[in-house]
N, C-alpha and C. Protein backbone atom coordinates (compact mmCIF):
# COMPACT_ATOMS: atom_id res chain seq x y z
N UNK A 1 43.05 123.91 -110.19
CA UNK A 1 44.20 123.16 -109.76
C UNK A 1 45.22 123.09 -110.90
N UNK A 2 46.47 123.27 -110.59
CA UNK A 2 47.53 123.25 -111.56
C UNK A 2 47.91 121.81 -111.92
N UNK A 3 47.89 121.51 -113.22
CA UNK A 3 48.39 120.21 -113.68
C UNK A 3 49.91 120.28 -113.67
N UNK A 4 50.55 119.20 -113.26
CA UNK A 4 52.00 119.19 -113.19
C UNK A 4 52.58 118.05 -114.03
N UNK A 5 53.86 118.22 -114.33
CA UNK A 5 54.65 117.25 -115.06
C UNK A 5 55.94 117.04 -114.28
N UNK A 6 56.45 115.83 -114.28
CA UNK A 6 57.70 115.53 -113.61
C UNK A 6 58.83 115.44 -114.64
N UNK A 7 59.92 116.14 -114.37
CA UNK A 7 61.12 116.08 -115.18
C UNK A 7 62.19 115.44 -114.31
N UNK A 8 62.71 114.29 -114.73
CA UNK A 8 63.65 113.56 -113.89
C UNK A 8 64.99 113.33 -114.55
N UNK A 9 65.97 113.10 -113.71
CA UNK A 9 67.31 112.80 -114.20
C UNK A 9 68.21 112.37 -113.06
N UNK A 10 69.50 112.34 -113.32
CA UNK A 10 70.48 111.87 -112.35
C UNK A 10 70.49 112.65 -111.05
N UNK A 11 70.10 113.91 -111.10
CA UNK A 11 70.15 114.76 -109.91
C UNK A 11 68.78 115.01 -109.31
N UNK A 12 67.83 114.10 -109.53
CA UNK A 12 66.53 114.23 -108.89
C UNK A 12 65.41 114.56 -109.85
N UNK A 13 64.37 115.23 -109.31
CA UNK A 13 63.17 115.52 -110.09
C UNK A 13 62.71 116.97 -109.92
N UNK A 14 62.26 117.52 -111.02
CA UNK A 14 61.60 118.82 -111.02
C UNK A 14 60.10 118.58 -111.18
N UNK A 15 59.31 119.32 -110.44
CA UNK A 15 57.87 119.33 -110.66
C UNK A 15 57.59 120.66 -111.35
N UNK A 16 56.96 120.59 -112.53
CA UNK A 16 56.72 121.80 -113.31
C UNK A 16 55.24 121.94 -113.65
N UNK A 17 54.83 123.17 -113.85
CA UNK A 17 53.49 123.47 -114.31
C UNK A 17 53.36 122.92 -115.74
N UNK A 18 52.40 122.05 -115.99
CA UNK A 18 52.27 121.39 -117.29
C UNK A 18 51.87 122.35 -118.41
N UNK A 19 51.36 123.50 -118.07
CA UNK A 19 50.98 124.49 -119.09
C UNK A 19 52.14 125.43 -119.41
N UNK A 20 52.76 125.99 -118.39
CA UNK A 20 53.77 127.03 -118.60
C UNK A 20 55.20 126.50 -118.61
N UNK A 21 55.43 125.35 -117.99
CA UNK A 21 56.78 124.82 -117.86
C UNK A 21 57.57 125.40 -116.71
N UNK A 22 56.98 126.32 -115.95
CA UNK A 22 57.68 126.92 -114.81
C UNK A 22 57.91 125.87 -113.71
N UNK A 23 59.11 125.90 -113.16
CA UNK A 23 59.47 124.95 -112.11
C UNK A 23 58.75 125.34 -110.82
N UNK A 24 58.04 124.38 -110.24
CA UNK A 24 57.31 124.59 -109.00
C UNK A 24 58.09 124.06 -107.80
N UNK A 25 58.83 122.96 -108.01
CA UNK A 25 59.58 122.35 -106.92
C UNK A 25 60.73 121.53 -107.48
N UNK A 26 61.76 121.38 -106.66
CA UNK A 26 62.91 120.54 -107.01
C UNK A 26 63.22 119.63 -105.83
N UNK A 27 63.27 118.34 -106.10
CA UNK A 27 63.63 117.37 -105.08
C UNK A 27 64.87 116.64 -105.58
N UNK A 28 66.01 116.91 -104.96
CA UNK A 28 67.24 116.27 -105.40
C UNK A 28 67.37 114.86 -104.86
N UNK A 29 66.50 114.46 -103.96
CA UNK A 29 66.47 113.10 -103.47
C UNK A 29 67.76 112.63 -102.84
N UNK A 30 68.51 113.57 -102.28
CA UNK A 30 69.77 113.22 -101.63
C UNK A 30 70.92 112.97 -102.59
N UNK A 31 70.74 113.35 -103.86
CA UNK A 31 71.78 113.08 -104.86
C UNK A 31 72.90 114.11 -104.88
N UNK A 32 72.76 115.19 -104.11
CA UNK A 32 73.79 116.23 -104.12
C UNK A 32 74.65 116.13 -102.87
N UNK A 33 75.90 115.70 -103.00
CA UNK A 33 76.76 115.58 -101.84
C UNK A 33 77.00 116.91 -101.12
N UNK A 34 77.11 117.99 -101.88
CA UNK A 34 77.38 119.30 -101.29
C UNK A 34 76.65 120.38 -102.09
N UNK A 35 75.38 120.68 -101.75
CA UNK A 35 74.61 121.66 -102.52
C UNK A 35 75.23 123.06 -102.54
N UNK A 36 76.18 123.35 -101.64
CA UNK A 36 76.83 124.66 -101.65
C UNK A 36 77.94 124.74 -102.70
N UNK A 37 78.37 123.60 -103.22
CA UNK A 37 79.40 123.54 -104.25
C UNK A 37 78.73 123.78 -105.60
N UNK A 38 79.17 124.79 -106.33
CA UNK A 38 78.55 125.17 -107.60
C UNK A 38 78.49 124.02 -108.59
N UNK A 39 79.45 123.13 -108.55
CA UNK A 39 79.45 122.01 -109.49
C UNK A 39 78.47 120.92 -109.09
N UNK A 40 77.88 121.03 -107.92
CA UNK A 40 76.96 119.99 -107.43
C UNK A 40 75.57 120.55 -107.14
N UNK A 41 75.15 121.52 -107.88
CA UNK A 41 73.84 122.14 -107.66
C UNK A 41 72.70 121.41 -108.35
N UNK A 42 73.04 120.41 -109.15
CA UNK A 42 71.99 119.66 -109.82
C UNK A 42 71.12 120.55 -110.68
N UNK A 43 69.83 120.50 -110.46
CA UNK A 43 68.88 121.25 -111.27
C UNK A 43 68.37 122.52 -110.58
N UNK A 44 69.07 122.98 -109.54
CA UNK A 44 68.59 124.12 -108.77
C UNK A 44 68.49 125.41 -109.59
N UNK A 45 69.26 125.54 -110.65
CA UNK A 45 69.26 126.77 -111.44
C UNK A 45 68.23 126.77 -112.56
N UNK A 46 67.54 125.64 -112.78
CA UNK A 46 66.55 125.58 -113.85
C UNK A 46 65.26 126.27 -113.39
N UNK A 47 64.82 127.23 -114.20
CA UNK A 47 63.62 127.99 -113.84
C UNK A 47 62.39 127.59 -114.66
N UNK A 48 62.63 127.07 -115.87
CA UNK A 48 61.51 126.72 -116.74
C UNK A 48 61.95 125.68 -117.77
N UNK A 49 61.06 124.79 -118.13
CA UNK A 49 61.35 123.82 -119.17
C UNK A 49 60.49 124.12 -120.40
N UNK A 50 60.99 123.73 -121.56
CA UNK A 50 60.37 124.08 -122.84
C UNK A 50 59.37 123.00 -123.27
N UNK A 51 58.22 123.00 -122.65
CA UNK A 51 57.20 122.00 -122.98
C UNK A 51 56.57 122.24 -124.33
N UNK A 52 56.55 123.48 -124.81
CA UNK A 52 56.01 123.76 -126.14
C UNK A 52 56.84 123.04 -127.21
N UNK A 53 58.16 123.15 -127.11
CA UNK A 53 59.04 122.47 -128.06
C UNK A 53 58.87 120.96 -127.96
N UNK A 54 58.76 120.45 -126.73
CA UNK A 54 58.60 119.01 -126.52
C UNK A 54 57.32 118.51 -127.18
N UNK A 55 56.22 119.25 -127.01
CA UNK A 55 54.94 118.84 -127.61
C UNK A 55 55.04 118.84 -129.13
N UNK A 56 55.73 119.84 -129.71
CA UNK A 56 55.90 119.88 -131.16
C UNK A 56 56.71 118.69 -131.64
N UNK A 57 57.74 118.33 -130.90
CA UNK A 57 58.61 117.21 -131.29
C UNK A 57 57.88 115.87 -131.22
N UNK A 58 56.92 115.75 -130.32
CA UNK A 58 56.24 114.47 -130.11
C UNK A 58 54.76 114.52 -130.44
N UNK A 59 54.38 115.38 -131.36
CA UNK A 59 53.01 115.38 -131.85
C UNK A 59 51.96 115.78 -130.85
N UNK A 60 52.26 116.80 -130.07
CA UNK A 60 51.30 117.33 -129.11
C UNK A 60 50.86 116.33 -128.05
N UNK A 61 51.71 115.35 -127.72
CA UNK A 61 51.42 114.45 -126.61
C UNK A 61 51.37 115.27 -125.33
N UNK A 62 50.69 114.77 -124.35
CA UNK A 62 50.69 115.42 -123.05
C UNK A 62 51.73 114.77 -122.16
N UNK A 63 52.69 115.53 -121.72
CA UNK A 63 53.77 114.97 -120.91
C UNK A 63 53.32 114.69 -119.48
N UNK A 64 53.73 113.56 -118.96
CA UNK A 64 53.48 113.25 -117.56
C UNK A 64 54.79 113.06 -116.82
N UNK A 65 55.76 112.45 -117.49
CA UNK A 65 57.07 112.23 -116.90
C UNK A 65 58.09 112.25 -118.04
N UNK A 66 59.07 113.14 -117.95
CA UNK A 66 60.03 113.34 -119.03
C UNK A 66 61.44 113.27 -118.46
N UNK A 67 62.35 112.68 -119.20
CA UNK A 67 63.76 112.70 -118.82
C UNK A 67 64.32 114.09 -119.13
N UNK A 68 65.18 114.57 -118.27
CA UNK A 68 65.77 115.91 -118.43
C UNK A 68 66.49 116.04 -119.78
N UNK A 69 67.02 114.95 -120.32
CA UNK A 69 67.72 115.00 -121.60
C UNK A 69 66.78 115.23 -122.77
N UNK A 70 65.49 114.98 -122.56
CA UNK A 70 64.51 115.03 -123.63
C UNK A 70 63.77 116.37 -123.73
N UNK A 71 64.18 117.34 -122.94
CA UNK A 71 63.48 118.61 -122.92
C UNK A 71 64.49 119.76 -122.79
N UNK A 72 64.23 120.85 -123.49
CA UNK A 72 65.05 122.04 -123.33
C UNK A 72 64.63 122.78 -122.08
N UNK A 73 65.53 123.63 -121.57
CA UNK A 73 65.20 124.39 -120.36
C UNK A 73 66.03 125.66 -120.26
N UNK A 74 65.50 126.59 -119.47
CA UNK A 74 66.19 127.84 -119.18
C UNK A 74 66.75 127.77 -117.77
N UNK A 75 67.98 128.29 -117.60
CA UNK A 75 68.64 128.19 -116.29
C UNK A 75 69.49 129.43 -116.02
N UNK A 76 69.76 129.63 -114.74
CA UNK A 76 70.64 130.71 -114.31
C UNK A 76 69.98 132.08 -114.34
N UNK A 77 70.68 133.04 -113.78
CA UNK A 77 70.14 134.41 -113.71
C UNK A 77 70.04 135.04 -115.09
N UNK A 78 70.85 134.58 -116.04
CA UNK A 78 70.81 135.13 -117.39
C UNK A 78 69.79 134.41 -118.28
N UNK A 79 69.08 133.43 -117.71
CA UNK A 79 68.10 132.62 -118.45
C UNK A 79 68.70 132.05 -119.74
N UNK A 80 69.82 131.37 -119.59
CA UNK A 80 70.44 130.69 -120.72
C UNK A 80 69.60 129.49 -121.10
N UNK A 81 69.61 129.14 -122.37
CA UNK A 81 68.79 128.01 -122.85
C UNK A 81 69.67 126.82 -123.17
N UNK A 82 69.28 125.68 -122.63
CA UNK A 82 69.94 124.40 -122.93
C UNK A 82 68.94 123.57 -123.73
N UNK A 83 69.25 123.28 -125.00
CA UNK A 83 68.30 122.51 -125.81
C UNK A 83 68.27 121.04 -125.40
N UNK A 84 67.26 120.31 -125.87
CA UNK A 84 67.21 118.87 -125.62
C UNK A 84 68.46 118.20 -126.20
N UNK A 85 68.85 117.08 -125.62
CA UNK A 85 70.01 116.34 -126.12
C UNK A 85 69.62 115.61 -127.40
N UNK A 86 70.22 116.00 -128.51
CA UNK A 86 69.85 115.41 -129.80
C UNK A 86 70.13 113.92 -129.85
N UNK A 87 71.22 113.47 -129.23
CA UNK A 87 71.50 112.03 -129.26
C UNK A 87 70.43 111.24 -128.52
N UNK A 88 69.85 111.84 -127.47
CA UNK A 88 68.73 111.20 -126.75
C UNK A 88 67.53 111.06 -127.68
N UNK A 89 67.24 112.13 -128.40
CA UNK A 89 66.11 112.10 -129.34
C UNK A 89 66.36 111.13 -130.48
N UNK A 90 67.59 111.07 -130.96
CA UNK A 90 67.92 110.12 -132.04
C UNK A 90 67.69 108.69 -131.56
N UNK A 91 68.06 108.41 -130.32
CA UNK A 91 67.87 107.08 -129.74
C UNK A 91 66.36 106.77 -129.66
N UNK A 92 65.56 107.77 -129.31
CA UNK A 92 64.10 107.59 -129.26
C UNK A 92 63.57 107.21 -130.63
N UNK A 93 64.06 107.91 -131.66
CA UNK A 93 63.61 107.62 -133.02
C UNK A 93 63.91 106.19 -133.44
N UNK A 94 64.95 105.60 -132.84
CA UNK A 94 65.32 104.23 -133.16
C UNK A 94 64.67 103.23 -132.19
N UNK A 95 63.73 103.70 -131.37
CA UNK A 95 62.97 102.80 -130.51
C UNK A 95 63.45 102.72 -129.07
N UNK A 96 64.41 103.52 -128.67
CA UNK A 96 64.91 103.46 -127.31
C UNK A 96 64.42 104.60 -126.44
N UNK A 97 64.84 104.60 -125.20
CA UNK A 97 64.65 105.69 -124.24
C UNK A 97 63.25 105.90 -123.70
N UNK A 98 62.23 105.33 -124.25
CA UNK A 98 60.89 105.55 -123.71
C UNK A 98 60.17 104.26 -123.49
């Protein structure tokens, strides 16, 4: 059985394979007014999240639920990489966000 991790944010939740980071499902939870509008696609273009980097940043913790700002991910047909939001991580270091 595949272990999963939830990645959540303003545009819903991704369910990802906890080992590989590959996106298994996306539930926008009704947050997208017009999914056909490119500016309102939410997380539909994300194919994989960078759980290896996340584990290194947090001492090999096992992720169960992560905010989208706290993890890097690959998106689009060109597999562009979006790194974690550094200001989010800085806030964590000061005791916030988790």
